Amino acid sequence: MKDLPLLKKILWADSLLGGSTAVVGLFWFRTLAVFLGLPVNIVAMIAVVTLAYALLAVSLALQRQPSVLQLRALVYANWLWTITSVVLLIFYISGTTLFGTAFLILQVVVAGMLAYLEGRHIT
C-alpha cells in the first residue's frame, strides 16, 4: 500500500462526503427531491448508497493497515457509482433543477476522483 497516511486522509474525506450526503438525504429526502427536481425514490436511493460507501470508507480508515480486498471493493464501487451517476444525469437532466443538475455532476466528479485517488494506493 502506497503512502498510507495520504490514503487514510482520502478515506476520511470519502466517509465524510458520503456520510454527509447520506444523512441529509435520509432525513430530508422528500424536501430534497423537490429542491433537486429528482424523484423521491432516487434521492432516497442516493442516500442509502452513499451511506454504504461512507461506512466502508470509515471502516477502512480505522484499520491500522486497510484491507486491500476491501479497498479494491471501494474503488470498484466508486467507479460503478460514477457510471451510475452519469446515467442518472442523462436520464433525469430534463427534469432537474439547476441544483439537481449541479448535484448530479458533482457526484460524477467526486466519485470518480475518489475512485482514482484511492485506486492509486493499491500496490
N, C-alpha and C. Protein backbone atom coordinates (compact mmCIF):
# COMPACT_ATOMS: atom_id res chain seq x y z
N MET A 1 0.86 -1.17 0.00
CA MET A 1 0.00 0.00 0.00
C MET A 1 0.91 1.24 0.00
N LYS A 2 0.65 2.14 -0.93
CA LYS A 2 1.47 3.35 -1.06
C LYS A 2 0.94 4.45 -0.15
N ASP A 3 1.84 5.19 0.47
CA ASP A 3 1.55 6.39 1.25
C ASP A 3 0.29 6.25 2.10
N LEU A 4 0.41 5.40 3.12
CA LEU A 4 -0.73 5.10 3.99
C LEU A 4 -1.35 6.34 4.64
N PRO A 5 -0.55 7.30 5.14
CA PRO A 5 -1.18 8.49 5.73
C PRO A 5 -2.06 9.27 4.74
N LEU A 6 -1.61 9.38 3.49
CA LEU A 6 -2.42 10.08 2.49
C LEU A 6 -3.68 9.28 2.16
N LEU A 7 -3.54 7.97 2.02
CA LEU A 7 -4.70 7.12 1.76
C LEU A 7 -5.74 7.30 2.85
N LYS A 8 -5.31 7.32 4.09
CA LYS A 8 -6.27 7.46 5.20
C LYS A 8 -6.98 8.81 5.13
N LYS A 9 -6.29 9.86 4.74
CA LYS A 9 -6.93 11.17 4.58
C LYS A 9 -8.00 11.11 3.48
N ILE A 10 -7.68 10.43 2.40
CA ILE A 10 -8.65 10.28 1.30
C ILE A 10 -9.85 9.46 1.76
N LEU A 11 -9.60 8.40 2.52
CA LEU A 11 -10.70 7.58 3.04
C LEU A 11 -11.58 8.37 4.00
N TRP A 12 -10.97 9.21 4.84
CA TRP A 12 -11.76 10.05 5.74
C TRP A 12 -12.60 11.04 4.93
N ALA A 13 -12.02 11.60 3.87
CA ALA A 13 -12.78 12.52 3.02
C ALA A 13 -13.95 11.78 2.37
N ASP A 14 -13.69 10.57 1.89
CA ASP A 14 -14.75 9.76 1.28
C ASP A 14 -15.87 9.51 2.29
N SER A 15 -15.50 9.16 3.50
CA SER A 15 -16.52 8.85 4.52
C SER A 15 -17.29 10.11 4.92
N LEU A 16 -16.62 11.24 5.01
CA LEU A 16 -17.32 12.48 5.38
C LEU A 16 -18.23 12.97 4.27
N LEU A 17 -17.76 12.92 3.03
CA LEU A 17 -18.59 13.35 1.90
C LEU A 17 -19.80 12.44 1.73
N GLY A 18 -19.55 11.13 1.74
CA GLY A 18 -20.64 10.17 1.59
C GLY A 18 -21.58 10.21 2.78
N GLY A 19 -21.01 10.30 3.96
CA GLY A 19 -21.82 10.32 5.17
C GLY A 19 -22.71 11.54 5.27
N SER A 20 -22.17 12.70 4.92
CA SER A 20 -22.98 13.92 4.99
C SER A 20 -24.09 13.89 3.93
N THR A 21 -23.76 13.41 2.74
CA THR A 21 -24.78 13.26 1.70
C THR A 21 -25.87 12.30 2.17
N ALA A 22 -25.46 11.21 2.79
CA ALA A 22 -26.41 10.20 3.26
C ALA A 22 -27.32 10.74 4.36
N VAL A 23 -26.74 11.39 5.34
CA VAL A 23 -27.53 11.89 6.47
C VAL A 23 -28.54 12.93 6.00
N VAL A 24 -28.09 13.89 5.20
CA VAL A 24 -29.00 14.91 4.68
C VAL A 24 -30.10 14.25 3.83
N GLY A 25 -29.69 13.30 2.98
CA GLY A 25 -30.65 12.63 2.11
C GLY A 25 -31.65 11.77 2.87
N LEU A 26 -31.20 11.09 3.90
CA LEU A 26 -32.10 10.22 4.66
C LEU A 26 -33.10 11.01 5.50
N PHE A 27 -32.68 12.15 6.03
CA PHE A 27 -33.58 12.94 6.87
C PHE A 27 -34.50 13.84 6.07
N TRP A 28 -34.05 14.33 4.91
CA TRP A 28 -34.84 15.31 4.17
C TRP A 28 -35.05 14.91 2.71
N PHE A 29 -35.21 13.62 2.44
CA PHE A 29 -35.29 13.17 1.05
C PHE A 29 -36.50 13.74 0.31
N ARG A 30 -37.61 13.93 0.97
CA ARG A 30 -38.80 14.48 0.28
C ARG A 30 -38.58 15.96 -0.10
N THR A 31 -38.04 16.72 0.81
CA THR A 31 -37.75 18.13 0.53
C THR A 31 -36.67 18.25 -0.54
N LEU A 32 -35.65 17.41 -0.42
CA LEU A 32 -34.56 17.43 -1.41
C LEU A 32 -35.04 17.05 -2.80
N ALA A 33 -35.97 16.12 -2.86
CA ALA A 33 -36.50 15.70 -4.17
C ALA A 33 -37.09 16.90 -4.91
N VAL A 34 -37.84 17.71 -4.20
CA VAL A 34 -38.43 18.90 -4.82
C VAL A 34 -37.33 19.91 -5.17
N PHE A 35 -36.42 20.14 -4.24
CA PHE A 35 -35.34 21.11 -4.44
C PHE A 35 -34.45 20.73 -5.62
N LEU A 36 -34.17 19.43 -5.77
CA LEU A 36 -33.29 18.97 -6.84
C LEU A 36 -34.03 18.65 -8.14
N GLY A 37 -35.34 18.46 -8.04
CA GLY A 37 -36.11 18.08 -9.22
C GLY A 37 -35.91 16.63 -9.59
N LEU A 38 -35.68 15.80 -8.59
CA LEU A 38 -35.49 14.36 -8.79
C LEU A 38 -36.61 13.60 -8.10
N PRO A 39 -36.92 12.40 -8.58
CA PRO A 39 -37.93 11.58 -7.89
C PRO A 39 -37.49 11.25 -6.46
N VAL A 40 -38.45 11.14 -5.57
CA VAL A 40 -38.17 10.84 -4.17
C VAL A 40 -37.39 9.54 -4.03
N ASN A 41 -37.77 8.51 -4.79
CA ASN A 41 -37.08 7.22 -4.66
C ASN A 41 -35.62 7.31 -5.11
N ILE A 42 -35.30 8.18 -6.05
CA ILE A 42 -33.92 8.35 -6.49
C ILE A 42 -33.10 9.04 -5.40
N VAL A 43 -33.67 10.06 -4.79
CA VAL A 43 -32.97 10.76 -3.70
C VAL A 43 -32.74 9.80 -2.54
N ALA A 44 -33.73 9.00 -2.20
CA ALA A 44 -33.58 8.02 -1.12
C ALA A 44 -32.53 6.97 -1.48
N MET A 45 -32.53 6.51 -2.72
CA MET A 45 -31.54 5.53 -3.16
C MET A 45 -30.13 6.11 -3.07
N ILE A 46 -29.96 7.35 -3.50
CA ILE A 46 -28.65 8.00 -3.42
C ILE A 46 -28.19 8.07 -1.97
N ALA A 47 -29.09 8.40 -1.07
CA ALA A 47 -28.75 8.49 0.35
C ALA A 47 -28.31 7.13 0.90
N VAL A 48 -29.02 6.08 0.56
CA VAL A 48 -28.67 4.74 1.06
C VAL A 48 -27.33 4.28 0.49
N VAL A 49 -27.12 4.50 -0.80
CA VAL A 49 -25.86 4.08 -1.43
C VAL A 49 -24.69 4.85 -0.84
N THR A 50 -24.84 6.17 -0.69
CA THR A 50 -23.72 6.94 -0.13
C THR A 50 -23.45 6.58 1.33
N LEU A 51 -24.48 6.16 2.05
CA LEU A 51 -24.27 5.68 3.42
C LEU A 51 -23.41 4.41 3.40
N ALA A 52 -23.70 3.51 2.49
CA ALA A 52 -22.91 2.28 2.39
C ALA A 52 -21.45 2.59 2.06
N TYR A 53 -21.22 3.52 1.13
CA TYR A 53 -19.85 3.92 0.79
C TYR A 53 -19.16 4.53 2.00
N ALA A 54 -19.86 5.40 2.69
CA ALA A 54 -19.28 6.07 3.85
C ALA A 54 -18.89 5.08 4.93
N LEU A 55 -19.74 4.09 5.16
CA LEU A 55 -19.43 3.09 6.19
C LEU A 55 -18.21 2.25 5.80
N LEU A 56 -18.12 1.86 4.54
CA LEU A 56 -16.95 1.10 4.10
C LEU A 56 -15.70 1.96 4.19
N ALA A 57 -15.78 3.21 3.76
CA ALA A 57 -14.61 4.10 3.80
C ALA A 57 -14.15 4.34 5.24
N VAL A 58 -15.08 4.56 6.15
CA VAL A 58 -14.68 4.80 7.54
C VAL A 58 -14.10 3.53 8.17
N SER A 59 -14.63 2.37 7.81
CA SER A 59 -14.07 1.13 8.35
C SER A 59 -12.64 0.93 7.85
N LEU A 60 -12.37 1.29 6.61
CA LEU A 60 -11.01 1.20 6.08
C LEU A 60 -10.09 2.23 6.73
N ALA A 61 -10.59 3.43 6.94
CA ALA A 61 -9.78 4.49 7.55
C ALA A 61 -9.40 4.14 8.98
N LEU A 62 -10.24 3.37 9.66
CA LEU A 62 -9.97 3.00 11.05
C LEU A 62 -9.03 1.80 11.18
N GLN A 63 -8.82 1.07 10.10
CA GLN A 63 -7.92 -0.08 10.16
C GLN A 63 -6.46 0.38 10.17
N ARG A 64 -5.64 -0.30 10.98
CA ARG A 64 -4.21 0.05 11.02
C ARG A 64 -3.60 -0.10 9.64
N GLN A 65 -3.88 -1.22 9.01
CA GLN A 65 -3.44 -1.49 7.63
C GLN A 65 -4.71 -1.88 6.86
N PRO A 66 -5.26 -0.95 6.08
CA PRO A 66 -6.51 -1.25 5.38
C PRO A 66 -6.42 -2.50 4.50
N SER A 67 -7.48 -3.26 4.50
CA SER A 67 -7.57 -4.47 3.68
C SER A 67 -7.53 -4.10 2.20
N VAL A 68 -6.62 -4.71 1.47
CA VAL A 68 -6.51 -4.45 0.04
C VAL A 68 -7.79 -4.89 -0.67
N LEU A 69 -8.34 -6.01 -0.27
CA LEU A 69 -9.57 -6.51 -0.88
C LEU A 69 -10.72 -5.52 -0.67
N GLN A 70 -10.88 -5.02 0.54
CA GLN A 70 -11.94 -4.05 0.82
C GLN A 70 -11.68 -2.73 0.11
N LEU A 71 -10.42 -2.33 0.03
CA LEU A 71 -10.08 -1.09 -0.69
C LEU A 71 -10.41 -1.23 -2.17
N ARG A 72 -10.08 -2.38 -2.74
CA ARG A 72 -10.44 -2.62 -4.16
C ARG A 72 -11.96 -2.56 -4.34
N ALA A 73 -12.68 -3.15 -3.39
CA ALA A 73 -14.15 -3.12 -3.47
C ALA A 73 -14.65 -1.68 -3.45
N LEU A 74 -14.07 -0.84 -2.60
CA LEU A 74 -14.47 0.55 -2.53
C LEU A 74 -14.14 1.29 -3.83
N VAL A 75 -12.96 1.03 -4.37
CA VAL A 75 -12.56 1.67 -5.64
C VAL A 75 -13.51 1.27 -6.76
N TYR A 76 -13.76 -0.03 -6.90
CA TYR A 76 -14.68 -0.50 -7.95
C TYR A 76 -16.09 0.06 -7.74
N ALA A 77 -16.52 0.10 -6.49
CA ALA A 77 -17.85 0.64 -6.19
C ALA A 77 -17.91 2.13 -6.54
N ASN A 78 -16.85 2.86 -6.26
CA ASN A 78 -16.83 4.28 -6.62
C ASN A 78 -16.86 4.47 -8.13
N TRP A 79 -16.14 3.61 -8.88
CA TRP A 79 -16.22 3.71 -10.35
C TRP A 79 -17.64 3.37 -10.83
N LEU A 80 -18.23 2.35 -10.23
CA LEU A 80 -19.60 1.98 -10.59
C LEU A 80 -20.57 3.12 -10.27
N TRP A 81 -20.37 3.77 -9.12
CA TRP A 81 -21.24 4.88 -8.76
C TRP A 81 -21.02 6.08 -9.69
N THR A 82 -19.80 6.26 -10.17
CA THR A 82 -19.52 7.32 -11.14
C THR A 82 -20.34 7.07 -12.41
N ILE A 83 -20.31 5.85 -12.90
CA ILE A 83 -21.07 5.49 -14.11
C ILE A 83 -22.57 5.63 -13.86
N THR A 84 -23.02 5.15 -12.70
CA THR A 84 -24.44 5.26 -12.35
C THR A 84 -24.86 6.73 -12.29
N SER A 85 -24.01 7.57 -11.76
CA SER A 85 -24.33 9.00 -11.67
C SER A 85 -24.42 9.64 -13.05
N VAL A 86 -23.57 9.21 -13.97
CA VAL A 86 -23.66 9.70 -15.35
C VAL A 86 -25.00 9.29 -15.95
N VAL A 87 -25.40 8.05 -15.72
CA VAL A 87 -26.68 7.56 -16.23
C VAL A 87 -27.83 8.35 -15.61
N LEU A 88 -27.78 8.58 -14.31
CA LEU A 88 -28.82 9.39 -13.64
C LEU A 88 -28.88 10.79 -14.23
N LEU A 89 -27.73 11.37 -14.47
CA LEU A 89 -27.67 12.71 -15.06
C LEU A 89 -28.32 12.73 -16.43
N ILE A 90 -27.96 11.77 -17.27
CA ILE A 90 -28.53 11.70 -18.62
C ILE A 90 -30.04 11.47 -18.57
N PHE A 91 -30.45 10.56 -17.70
CA PHE A 91 -31.86 10.17 -17.64
C PHE A 91 -32.76 11.27 -17.05
N TYR A 92 -32.25 11.98 -16.03
CA TYR A 92 -33.09 12.93 -15.30
C TYR A 92 -32.81 14.39 -15.58
N ILE A 93 -31.83 14.71 -16.41
CA ILE A 93 -31.43 16.11 -16.58
C ILE A 93 -32.57 17.01 -17.04
N SER A 94 -33.47 16.49 -17.82
CA SER A 94 -34.56 17.33 -18.33
C SER A 94 -35.52 17.77 -17.23
N GLY A 95 -35.56 17.03 -16.12
CA GLY A 95 -36.50 17.39 -15.06
C GLY A 95 -35.86 17.98 -13.82
N THR A 96 -34.52 18.00 -13.79
CA THR A 96 -33.86 18.50 -12.59
C THR A 96 -33.83 20.02 -12.58
N THR A 97 -33.71 20.55 -11.37
CA THR A 97 -33.48 21.98 -11.22
C THR A 97 -31.99 22.23 -11.47
N LEU A 98 -31.60 23.48 -11.47
CA LEU A 98 -30.18 23.81 -11.61
C LEU A 98 -29.37 23.14 -10.50
N PHE A 99 -29.94 23.13 -9.29
CA PHE A 99 -29.26 22.49 -8.16
C PHE A 99 -29.17 20.98 -8.34
N GLY A 100 -30.20 20.38 -8.89
CA GLY A 100 -30.19 18.95 -9.15
C GLY A 100 -29.14 18.57 -10.17
N THR A 101 -29.05 19.36 -11.24
CA THR A 101 -28.03 19.11 -12.26
C THR A 101 -26.64 19.25 -11.65
N ALA A 102 -26.43 20.31 -10.89
CA ALA A 102 -25.13 20.53 -10.24
C ALA A 102 -24.80 19.38 -9.29
N PHE A 103 -25.79 18.93 -8.53
CA PHE A 103 -25.58 17.82 -7.60
C PHE A 103 -25.16 16.55 -8.33
N LEU A 104 -25.84 16.22 -9.41
CA LEU A 104 -25.50 15.00 -10.15
C LEU A 104 -24.12 15.12 -10.80
N ILE A 105 -23.79 16.29 -11.32
CA ILE A 105 -22.45 16.49 -11.89
C ILE A 105 -21.39 16.35 -10.80
N LEU A 106 -21.66 16.92 -9.63
CA LEU A 106 -20.70 16.79 -8.52
C LEU A 106 -20.52 15.33 -8.11
N GLN A 107 -21.60 14.57 -8.13
CA GLN A 107 -21.48 13.14 -7.80
C GLN A 107 -20.53 12.44 -8.77
N VAL A 108 -20.66 12.74 -10.05
CA VAL A 108 -19.79 12.14 -11.06
C VAL A 108 -18.34 12.51 -10.77
N VAL A 109 -18.10 13.79 -10.57
CA VAL A 109 -16.73 14.28 -10.36
C VAL A 109 -16.13 13.73 -9.07
N VAL A 110 -16.88 13.82 -7.98
CA VAL A 110 -16.35 13.39 -6.68
C VAL A 110 -16.14 11.88 -6.62
N ALA A 111 -17.11 11.10 -7.06
CA ALA A 111 -16.96 9.64 -7.02
C ALA A 111 -15.81 9.20 -7.92
N GLY A 112 -15.70 9.79 -9.10
CA GLY A 112 -14.60 9.45 -10.00
C GLY A 112 -13.25 9.84 -9.43
N MET A 113 -13.19 11.01 -8.83
CA MET A 113 -11.94 11.47 -8.22
C MET A 113 -11.53 10.57 -7.06
N LEU A 114 -12.49 10.21 -6.22
CA LEU A 114 -12.18 9.33 -5.09
C LEU A 114 -11.74 7.95 -5.56
N ALA A 115 -12.41 7.41 -6.58
CA ALA A 115 -12.01 6.10 -7.13
C ALA A 115 -10.58 6.16 -7.63
N TYR A 116 -10.26 7.21 -8.35
CA TYR A 116 -8.90 7.36 -8.90
C TYR A 116 -7.87 7.50 -7.77
N LEU A 117 -8.13 8.40 -6.82
CA LEU A 117 -7.17 8.65 -5.74
C LEU A 117 -6.98 7.44 -4.84
N GLU A 118 -8.07 6.77 -4.51
CA GLU A 118 -7.96 5.57 -3.67
C GLU A 118 -7.28 4.43 -4.44
N GLY A 119 -7.60 4.31 -5.71
CA GLY A 119 -7.01 3.25 -6.53
C GLY A 119 -5.51 3.38 -6.71
N ARG A 120 -5.00 4.60 -6.68
CA ARG A 120 -3.56 4.82 -6.82
C ARG A 120 -2.76 4.23 -5.66
N HIS A 121 -3.42 3.97 -4.55
CA HIS A 121 -2.71 3.47 -3.36
C HIS A 121 -2.66 1.95 -3.28
N ILE A 122 -3.28 1.28 -4.20
CA ILE A 122 -3.25 -0.18 -4.21
C ILE A 122 -1.99 -0.62 -4.93
N THR A 123 -1.21 -1.46 -4.28
CA THR A 123 0.03 -1.95 -4.92
C THR A 123 -0.16 -3.36 -5.41
